[in-house]
């Protein structure tokens, strides 16, 4: 009987310690899009951001303990050819597991005590600036320049 009570007390002491990690989500807003990123972290998340030049997702953390980090994100946010991402924890590359779910990817990897920066590098990220309006603006500037040059050419030759 004493053994059963001891095991029960031991279970009660162990379960709360293993339940420290909770699944949470972060809403990352880029232009007019909001991406819901789910993650599991034994620590605090400071922020997430996309770096379009490095085609990476940057994650700032603090008060992190040695643990398994899981993150699930939309493939339109960040993707990699053949699903081969590079994952850096405090600048050091780590191994990871990947699970593909329809249009989402889930990565799992270990992070270390004191981790401050996680970087997930892909081959494509959502652009910070939409290129459609940019190309329209360039076209309009080119068209106006052409009209002004053509008009001044004909005026200088007394054609008009």
N, C-alpha and C. Protein backbone atom coordinates (compact mmCIF):
# COMPACT_ATOMS: atom_id res chain seq x y z
N UNK A 1 0.82 -1.19 0.00
CA UNK A 1 0.00 0.00 0.00
C UNK A 1 0.86 1.26 0.00
N UNK A 2 1.96 1.22 0.79
CA UNK A 2 2.85 2.37 0.84
C UNK A 2 3.50 2.62 -0.51
N UNK A 3 3.80 1.54 -1.24
CA UNK A 3 4.43 1.68 -2.56
C UNK A 3 3.47 2.36 -3.52
N UNK A 4 2.19 1.99 -3.49
CA UNK A 4 1.20 2.60 -4.37
C UNK A 4 1.04 4.08 -4.06
N UNK A 5 1.02 4.45 -2.80
CA UNK A 5 0.89 5.85 -2.41
C UNK A 5 2.13 6.62 -2.83
N UNK A 6 3.30 6.03 -2.67
CA UNK A 6 4.55 6.69 -3.07
C UNK A 6 4.58 6.92 -4.58
N UNK A 7 4.15 5.93 -5.34
CA UNK A 7 4.11 6.08 -6.80
C UNK A 7 3.11 7.16 -7.18
N UNK A 8 1.96 7.20 -6.53
CA UNK A 8 0.95 8.22 -6.81
C UNK A 8 1.50 9.62 -6.51
N UNK A 9 2.18 9.78 -5.39
CA UNK A 9 2.77 11.08 -5.04
C UNK A 9 3.86 11.45 -6.03
N UNK A 10 4.67 10.49 -6.43
CA UNK A 10 5.71 10.74 -7.41
C UNK A 10 5.11 11.20 -8.74
N UNK A 11 4.03 10.56 -9.17
CA UNK A 11 3.36 10.96 -10.41
C UNK A 11 2.82 12.38 -10.28
N UNK A 12 2.24 12.71 -9.15
CA UNK A 12 1.72 14.06 -8.95
C UNK A 12 2.83 15.11 -8.98
N UNK A 13 4.01 14.76 -8.54
CA UNK A 13 5.13 15.69 -8.57
C UNK A 13 5.74 15.82 -9.96
N UNK A 14 5.73 14.76 -10.73
CA UNK A 14 6.34 14.77 -12.06
C UNK A 14 5.44 15.43 -13.09
N UNK A 15 4.15 15.17 -13.07
CA UNK A 15 3.23 15.69 -14.09
C UNK A 15 3.26 17.21 -14.18
N UNK A 16 3.16 17.97 -13.10
CA UNK A 16 3.20 19.43 -13.26
C UNK A 16 4.50 19.93 -13.87
N UNK A 17 5.62 19.28 -13.60
CA UNK A 17 6.89 19.71 -14.16
C UNK A 17 6.95 19.47 -15.66
N UNK A 18 6.33 18.42 -16.14
CA UNK A 18 6.35 18.15 -17.57
C UNK A 18 5.31 18.97 -18.31
N UNK A 19 4.41 19.60 -17.61
CA UNK A 19 3.36 20.38 -18.26
C UNK A 19 3.70 21.86 -18.31
N UNK A 20 4.98 22.22 -18.15
CA UNK A 20 5.40 23.61 -18.18
C UNK A 20 5.26 24.18 -19.59
N UNK A 21 5.44 23.36 -20.60
CA UNK A 21 5.44 23.80 -21.98
C UNK A 21 4.01 23.80 -22.53
N UNK A 22 3.61 24.92 -23.09
CA UNK A 22 2.27 25.05 -23.66
C UNK A 22 2.37 25.43 -25.13
N UNK A 23 1.43 24.97 -25.94
CA UNK A 23 1.37 25.39 -27.33
C UNK A 23 0.76 26.78 -27.37
N UNK A 24 1.42 27.66 -28.09
CA UNK A 24 0.95 29.04 -28.21
C UNK A 24 0.93 29.43 -29.67
N UNK A 25 0.44 30.63 -29.95
CA UNK A 25 0.45 31.11 -31.32
C UNK A 25 0.87 32.57 -31.35
N UNK A 26 1.41 32.97 -32.50
CA UNK A 26 1.89 34.33 -32.71
C UNK A 26 1.31 34.80 -34.04
N UNK A 27 0.72 35.97 -34.06
CA UNK A 27 0.19 36.55 -35.30
C UNK A 27 1.23 37.48 -35.89
N UNK A 28 1.80 37.06 -37.02
CA UNK A 28 2.81 37.85 -37.72
C UNK A 28 2.13 38.60 -38.85
N UNK A 29 2.16 39.92 -38.80
CA UNK A 29 1.51 40.75 -39.82
C UNK A 29 2.56 41.23 -40.81
N UNK A 30 2.31 40.92 -42.09
CA UNK A 30 3.17 41.37 -43.18
C UNK A 30 2.27 41.96 -44.24
N UNK A 31 2.47 43.25 -44.50
CA UNK A 31 1.61 44.00 -45.41
C UNK A 31 0.16 43.83 -44.96
N UNK A 32 -0.68 43.29 -45.81
CA UNK A 32 -2.09 43.12 -45.47
C UNK A 32 -2.40 41.68 -45.05
N UNK A 33 -1.38 40.86 -44.88
CA UNK A 33 -1.57 39.46 -44.50
C UNK A 33 -1.24 39.27 -43.02
N UNK A 34 -2.01 38.42 -42.37
CA UNK A 34 -1.71 38.01 -41.00
C UNK A 34 -1.52 36.50 -41.00
N UNK A 35 -0.36 36.06 -40.54
CA UNK A 35 -0.04 34.65 -40.48
C UNK A 35 -0.07 34.20 -39.03
N UNK A 36 -0.84 33.14 -38.76
CA UNK A 36 -0.91 32.58 -37.42
C UNK A 36 0.14 31.47 -37.33
N UNK A 37 1.15 31.70 -36.51
CA UNK A 37 2.25 30.76 -36.35
C UNK A 37 2.12 30.09 -34.99
N UNK A 38 1.94 28.77 -34.99
CA UNK A 38 1.84 28.01 -33.74
C UNK A 38 3.22 27.55 -33.32
N UNK A 39 3.48 27.59 -32.02
CA UNK A 39 4.79 27.16 -31.54
C UNK A 39 4.67 26.61 -30.12
N UNK A 40 5.66 25.81 -29.74
CA UNK A 40 5.79 25.30 -28.39
C UNK A 40 7.18 25.68 -27.91
N UNK A 41 7.23 26.40 -26.79
CA UNK A 41 8.49 26.94 -26.31
C UNK A 41 8.52 26.91 -24.80
N UNK A 42 9.60 26.39 -24.24
CA UNK A 42 9.80 26.44 -22.79
C UNK A 42 10.62 27.69 -22.50
N UNK A 43 9.95 28.83 -22.55
CA UNK A 43 10.58 30.13 -22.37
C UNK A 43 9.63 31.20 -22.84
N UNK A 44 10.16 32.38 -23.14
CA UNK A 44 9.33 33.50 -23.58
C UNK A 44 9.69 33.90 -25.00
N UNK A 45 8.67 34.16 -25.80
CA UNK A 45 8.86 34.64 -27.16
C UNK A 45 8.87 36.16 -27.12
N UNK A 46 9.89 36.78 -27.70
CA UNK A 46 9.95 38.24 -27.77
C UNK A 46 9.25 38.72 -29.04
N UNK A 47 9.66 38.18 -30.20
CA UNK A 47 9.08 38.62 -31.47
C UNK A 47 9.46 37.65 -32.58
N UNK A 48 8.72 37.77 -33.70
CA UNK A 48 9.04 37.05 -34.93
C UNK A 48 9.02 38.06 -36.06
N UNK A 49 9.88 37.84 -37.05
CA UNK A 49 9.94 38.74 -38.21
C UNK A 49 10.48 37.97 -39.40
N UNK A 50 10.14 38.47 -40.58
CA UNK A 50 10.65 37.91 -41.83
C UNK A 50 11.79 38.79 -42.32
N UNK A 51 12.87 38.17 -42.76
CA UNK A 51 13.97 38.88 -43.40
C UNK A 51 13.98 38.45 -44.86
N UNK A 52 13.41 39.29 -45.76
CA UNK A 52 13.29 38.88 -47.16
C UNK A 52 14.64 38.75 -47.87
N UNK A 53 15.65 39.49 -47.44
CA UNK A 53 16.96 39.40 -48.08
C UNK A 53 17.64 38.08 -47.78
N UNK A 54 17.48 37.59 -46.57
CA UNK A 54 18.08 36.31 -46.18
C UNK A 54 17.10 35.15 -46.33
N UNK A 55 15.90 35.44 -46.82
CA UNK A 55 14.80 34.46 -46.95
C UNK A 55 14.66 33.64 -45.68
N UNK A 56 14.50 34.34 -44.56
CA UNK A 56 14.44 33.63 -43.29
C UNK A 56 13.38 34.19 -42.36
N UNK A 57 12.97 33.34 -41.43
CA UNK A 57 12.07 33.71 -40.34
C UNK A 57 12.94 33.83 -39.10
N UNK A 58 12.93 35.02 -38.48
CA UNK A 58 13.72 35.28 -37.28
C UNK A 58 12.82 35.22 -36.06
N UNK A 59 13.30 34.56 -35.02
CA UNK A 59 12.52 34.39 -33.79
C UNK A 59 13.39 34.80 -32.62
N UNK A 60 12.92 35.77 -31.84
CA UNK A 60 13.64 36.20 -30.66
C UNK A 60 13.03 35.58 -29.41
N UNK A 61 13.88 35.03 -28.53
CA UNK A 61 13.39 34.36 -27.33
C UNK A 61 14.21 34.81 -26.12
N UNK A 62 13.68 34.51 -24.93
CA UNK A 62 14.42 34.75 -23.69
C UNK A 62 13.94 33.77 -22.64
N UNK A 63 14.73 33.62 -21.59
CA UNK A 63 14.42 32.71 -20.47
C UNK A 63 14.14 31.29 -20.95
N UNK A 64 14.93 30.80 -21.89
CA UNK A 64 14.70 29.49 -22.49
C UNK A 64 15.49 28.41 -21.74
N UNK A 65 14.84 27.27 -21.53
CA UNK A 65 15.49 26.10 -20.94
C UNK A 65 15.76 25.09 -22.05
N UNK A 66 16.66 24.14 -21.79
CA UNK A 66 16.89 23.05 -22.75
C UNK A 66 15.55 22.37 -23.01
N UNK A 67 15.13 22.35 -24.27
CA UNK A 67 13.82 21.76 -24.57
C UNK A 67 13.66 21.56 -26.07
N UNK A 68 12.56 20.94 -26.42
CA UNK A 68 12.18 20.74 -27.82
C UNK A 68 11.34 21.93 -28.26
N UNK A 69 11.71 22.56 -29.37
CA UNK A 69 10.97 23.69 -29.92
C UNK A 69 10.21 23.19 -31.14
N UNK A 70 8.92 23.47 -31.20
CA UNK A 70 8.10 23.11 -32.35
C UNK A 70 7.48 24.38 -32.90
N UNK A 71 7.44 24.47 -34.22
CA UNK A 71 6.83 25.63 -34.86
C UNK A 71 6.11 25.16 -36.12
N UNK A 72 4.91 25.69 -36.32
CA UNK A 72 4.11 25.36 -37.51
C UNK A 72 3.74 26.66 -38.20
N UNK A 73 4.00 26.73 -39.51
CA UNK A 73 3.76 27.95 -40.26
C UNK A 73 3.24 27.62 -41.66
N UNK A 74 2.59 28.62 -42.26
CA UNK A 74 2.04 28.51 -43.61
C UNK A 74 3.19 28.52 -44.62
N UNK A 75 3.13 27.67 -45.63
CA UNK A 75 4.19 27.60 -46.63
C UNK A 75 4.26 28.85 -47.50
N UNK A 76 3.21 29.68 -47.53
CA UNK A 76 3.32 30.93 -48.28
C UNK A 76 4.16 31.95 -47.52
N UNK A 77 4.31 31.77 -46.21
CA UNK A 77 5.14 32.66 -45.41
C UNK A 77 6.62 32.38 -45.69
N UNK A 78 7.01 31.14 -45.57
CA UNK A 78 8.39 30.73 -45.85
C UNK A 78 8.36 29.28 -46.34
N UNK A 79 9.16 29.01 -47.36
CA UNK A 79 9.23 27.65 -47.90
C UNK A 79 10.66 27.38 -48.35
N UNK A 80 10.94 26.12 -48.63
CA UNK A 80 12.28 25.73 -49.08
C UNK A 80 12.14 24.66 -50.15
N UNK A 81 13.04 24.72 -51.12
CA UNK A 81 13.05 23.68 -52.15
C UNK A 81 13.31 22.33 -51.49
N UNK A 82 12.54 21.34 -51.88
CA UNK A 82 12.63 19.98 -51.34
C UNK A 82 12.49 19.96 -49.82
N UNK A 83 11.85 20.99 -49.26
CA UNK A 83 11.64 21.11 -47.81
C UNK A 83 12.95 21.00 -47.03
N UNK A 84 14.02 21.54 -47.60
CA UNK A 84 15.32 21.52 -46.94
C UNK A 84 15.64 22.91 -46.39
N UNK A 85 15.20 23.14 -45.17
CA UNK A 85 15.46 24.40 -44.49
C UNK A 85 16.84 24.32 -43.82
N UNK A 86 17.35 25.46 -43.44
CA UNK A 86 18.51 25.53 -42.54
C UNK A 86 18.00 26.16 -41.26
N UNK A 87 18.29 25.54 -40.13
CA UNK A 87 17.81 26.04 -38.84
C UNK A 87 19.03 26.40 -37.99
N UNK A 88 19.08 27.66 -37.56
CA UNK A 88 20.18 28.14 -36.72
C UNK A 88 19.64 28.50 -35.35
N UNK A 89 20.30 28.04 -34.31
CA UNK A 89 19.97 28.39 -32.94
C UNK A 89 21.18 29.12 -32.37
N UNK A 90 21.01 30.40 -32.07
CA UNK A 90 22.12 31.26 -31.64
C UNK A 90 23.29 31.19 -32.63
N UNK A 91 22.97 31.11 -33.92
CA UNK A 91 23.99 31.10 -34.96
C UNK A 91 24.57 29.75 -35.30
N UNK A 92 24.20 28.71 -34.57
CA UNK A 92 24.72 27.36 -34.83
C UNK A 92 23.65 26.52 -35.52
N UNK A 93 24.03 25.84 -36.60
CA UNK A 93 23.07 25.00 -37.32
C UNK A 93 22.74 23.76 -36.50
N UNK A 94 21.44 23.45 -36.45
CA UNK A 94 20.98 22.27 -35.70
C UNK A 94 20.17 21.37 -36.62
N UNK A 95 20.08 20.10 -36.26
CA UNK A 95 19.25 19.14 -36.99
C UNK A 95 17.80 19.36 -36.61
N UNK A 96 16.90 19.02 -37.51
CA UNK A 96 15.47 19.20 -37.26
C UNK A 96 14.68 18.09 -37.92
N UNK A 97 13.46 17.94 -37.47
CA UNK A 97 12.50 17.05 -38.11
C UNK A 97 11.45 17.93 -38.76
N UNK A 98 10.94 17.50 -39.90
CA UNK A 98 9.90 18.28 -40.58
C UNK A 98 8.70 17.39 -40.84
N UNK A 99 7.53 17.98 -40.71
CA UNK A 99 6.27 17.30 -41.01
C UNK A 99 5.46 18.25 -41.88
N UNK A 100 5.03 17.76 -43.04
CA UNK A 100 4.25 18.58 -43.97
C UNK A 100 2.79 18.25 -43.80
N UNK A 101 1.97 19.29 -43.59
CA UNK A 101 0.52 19.13 -43.46
C UNK A 101 -0.15 20.07 -44.46
N UNK A 102 -0.64 19.53 -45.55
CA UNK A 102 -1.29 20.32 -46.60
C UNK A 102 -0.42 21.51 -46.98
N UNK A 103 -0.81 22.72 -46.60
CA UNK A 103 -0.05 23.92 -46.96
C UNK A 103 0.72 24.49 -45.76
N UNK A 104 0.99 23.65 -44.77
CA UNK A 104 1.74 24.06 -43.58
C UNK A 104 2.95 23.14 -43.38
N UNK A 105 3.97 23.68 -42.77
CA UNK A 105 5.14 22.89 -42.37
C UNK A 105 5.30 22.98 -40.87
N UNK A 106 5.67 21.86 -40.25
CA UNK A 106 5.97 21.86 -38.82
C UNK A 106 7.42 21.40 -38.65
N UNK A 107 8.21 22.21 -37.96
CA UNK A 107 9.59 21.88 -37.67
C UNK A 107 9.75 21.61 -36.18
N UNK A 108 10.57 20.60 -35.86
CA UNK A 108 10.88 20.27 -34.46
C UNK A 108 12.40 20.19 -34.33
N UNK A 109 12.93 20.86 -33.31
CA UNK A 109 14.36 20.79 -33.05
C UNK A 109 14.63 21.20 -31.60
N UNK A 110 15.80 20.82 -31.13
CA UNK A 110 16.16 21.12 -29.74
C UNK A 110 16.80 22.50 -29.65
N UNK A 111 16.42 23.22 -28.61
CA UNK A 111 17.05 24.50 -28.31
C UNK A 111 17.71 24.39 -26.94
N UNK A 112 18.66 25.25 -26.72
CA UNK A 112 19.50 25.13 -25.54
C UNK A 112 19.17 26.22 -24.52
N UNK A 113 19.58 25.97 -23.30
CA UNK A 113 19.41 26.93 -22.22
C UNK A 113 20.03 28.26 -22.63
N UNK A 114 19.26 29.33 -22.53
CA UNK A 114 19.77 30.66 -22.87
C UNK A 114 19.63 31.03 -24.33
N UNK A 115 18.92 30.24 -25.13
CA UNK A 115 18.73 30.57 -26.54
C UNK A 115 18.05 31.93 -26.68
N UNK A 116 18.63 32.80 -27.52
CA UNK A 116 18.06 34.12 -27.74
C UNK A 116 17.56 34.32 -29.16
N UNK A 117 18.16 33.60 -30.13
CA UNK A 117 17.76 33.81 -31.52
C UNK A 117 17.66 32.48 -32.25
N UNK A 118 16.54 32.33 -32.94
CA UNK A 118 16.32 31.17 -33.80
C UNK A 118 16.08 31.71 -35.20
N UNK A 119 16.74 31.12 -36.18
CA UNK A 119 16.57 31.55 -37.56
C UNK A 119 16.26 30.34 -38.42
N UNK A 120 15.14 30.41 -39.13
CA UNK A 120 14.74 29.35 -40.05
C UNK A 120 14.92 29.90 -41.45
N UNK A 121 15.86 29.33 -42.19
CA UNK A 121 16.21 29.85 -43.52
C UNK A 121 15.61 28.94 -44.58
N UNK A 122 14.86 29.55 -45.49
CA UNK A 122 14.27 28.83 -46.61
C UNK A 122 14.81 29.37 -47.91
N UNK A 123 14.10 29.10 -49.00
CA UNK A 123 14.49 29.64 -50.29
C UNK A 123 13.52 30.72 -50.76
N UNK A 124 12.31 30.75 -50.17
CA UNK A 124 11.31 31.77 -50.53
C UNK A 124 10.62 32.26 -49.27
N UNK A 125 10.40 33.58 -49.21
CA UNK A 125 9.58 34.17 -48.15
C UNK A 125 8.60 35.13 -48.80
N UNK A 126 7.53 35.42 -48.08
CA UNK A 126 6.57 36.38 -48.60
C UNK A 126 7.26 37.73 -48.70
N UNK A 127 7.12 38.45 -49.81
CA UNK A 127 7.80 39.74 -49.91
C UNK A 127 7.21 40.76 -48.95
N UNK A 128 8.09 41.58 -48.39
CA UNK A 128 7.64 42.65 -47.49
C UNK A 128 6.91 43.73 -48.29
N UNK A 129 7.36 43.97 -49.53
CA UNK A 129 6.77 45.02 -50.35
C UNK A 129 6.17 44.37 -51.58
N UNK A 130 4.89 44.63 -51.88
CA UNK A 130 4.29 44.03 -53.08
C UNK A 130 4.90 44.64 -54.34
N UNK A 131 5.36 43.78 -55.25
CA UNK A 131 6.04 44.26 -56.44
C UNK A 131 5.09 44.75 -57.53
N UNK A 132 3.83 44.38 -57.50
CA UNK A 132 2.87 44.85 -58.50
C UNK A 132 2.78 46.37 -58.56
N UNK A 133 2.46 47.04 -57.46
CA UNK A 133 2.41 48.51 -57.49
C UNK A 133 3.76 49.14 -57.86
N UNK A 134 4.85 48.51 -57.48
CA UNK A 134 6.17 49.04 -57.82
C UNK A 134 6.36 49.06 -59.34
N UNK A 135 6.00 47.96 -60.02
CA UNK A 135 6.15 47.90 -61.47
C UNK A 135 5.21 48.88 -62.17
N UNK A 136 4.01 49.07 -61.65
CA UNK A 136 3.09 50.05 -62.22
C UNK A 136 3.69 51.44 -62.10
N UNK A 137 4.27 51.76 -60.96
CA UNK A 137 4.88 53.07 -60.75
C UNK A 137 6.05 53.28 -61.72
N UNK A 138 6.89 52.28 -61.90
CA UNK A 138 8.02 52.39 -62.83
C UNK A 138 7.51 52.58 -64.25
N UNK A 139 6.47 51.85 -64.64
CA UNK A 139 5.89 51.99 -65.98
C UNK A 139 5.35 53.40 -66.19
N UNK A 140 4.61 53.93 -65.20
CA UNK A 140 4.06 55.28 -65.33
C UNK A 140 5.15 56.34 -65.43
N UNK A 141 6.19 56.22 -64.64
CA UNK A 141 7.29 57.18 -64.71
C UNK A 141 7.96 57.11 -66.08
N UNK A 142 8.17 55.92 -66.59
CA UNK A 142 8.75 55.76 -67.92
C UNK A 142 7.87 56.34 -69.01
N UNK A 143 6.56 56.11 -68.91
CA UNK A 143 5.62 56.62 -69.91
C UNK A 143 5.58 58.15 -69.89
N UNK A 144 5.51 58.75 -68.71
CA UNK A 144 5.49 60.22 -68.60
C UNK A 144 6.79 60.80 -69.13
N UNK A 145 7.91 60.18 -68.82
CA UNK A 145 9.20 60.65 -69.33
C UNK A 145 9.24 60.58 -70.85
N UNK A 146 8.73 59.51 -71.43
CA UNK A 146 8.69 59.36 -72.88
C UNK A 146 7.82 60.44 -73.52
N UNK A 147 6.65 60.72 -72.95
CA UNK A 147 5.76 61.74 -73.50
C UNK A 147 6.42 63.12 -73.43
N UNK A 148 7.04 63.45 -72.31
CA UNK A 148 7.68 64.75 -72.16
C UNK A 148 8.84 64.89 -73.14
N UNK A 149 9.67 63.87 -73.29
CA UNK A 149 10.80 63.93 -74.23
C UNK A 149 10.31 64.04 -75.67
N UNK A 150 9.29 63.27 -76.02
CA UNK A 150 8.75 63.31 -77.38
C UNK A 150 8.15 64.68 -77.68
N UNK A 151 7.40 65.24 -76.73
CA UNK A 151 6.79 66.55 -76.93
C UNK A 151 7.86 67.63 -77.08
N UNK A 152 8.90 67.59 -76.24
CA UNK A 152 9.96 68.60 -76.34
C UNK A 152 10.73 68.44 -77.65
N UNK A 153 10.88 67.21 -78.15
CA UNK A 153 11.56 66.98 -79.42
C UNK A 153 10.78 67.63 -80.56
N UNK A 154 9.46 67.40 -80.59
CA UNK A 154 8.64 67.96 -81.66
C UNK A 154 8.52 69.47 -81.54
N UNK A 155 8.48 70.02 -80.33
CA UNK A 155 8.42 71.47 -80.15
C UNK A 155 9.71 72.14 -80.61
N UNK A 156 10.85 71.51 -80.36
CA UNK A 156 12.13 72.11 -80.77
C UNK A 156 12.30 72.07 -82.28
N UNK A 157 11.62 71.21 -82.97
CA UNK A 157 11.72 71.09 -84.43
C UNK A 157 10.59 71.85 -85.13
N UNK A 158 9.76 72.53 -84.37
CA UNK A 158 8.61 73.29 -84.90
C UNK A 158 7.63 72.42 -85.66
N UNK A 159 7.47 71.15 -85.22
CA UNK A 159 6.47 70.27 -85.83
C UNK A 159 5.09 70.56 -85.29
N UNK A 160 5.01 71.12 -84.10
CA UNK A 160 3.70 71.35 -83.49
C UNK A 160 3.45 72.82 -83.38
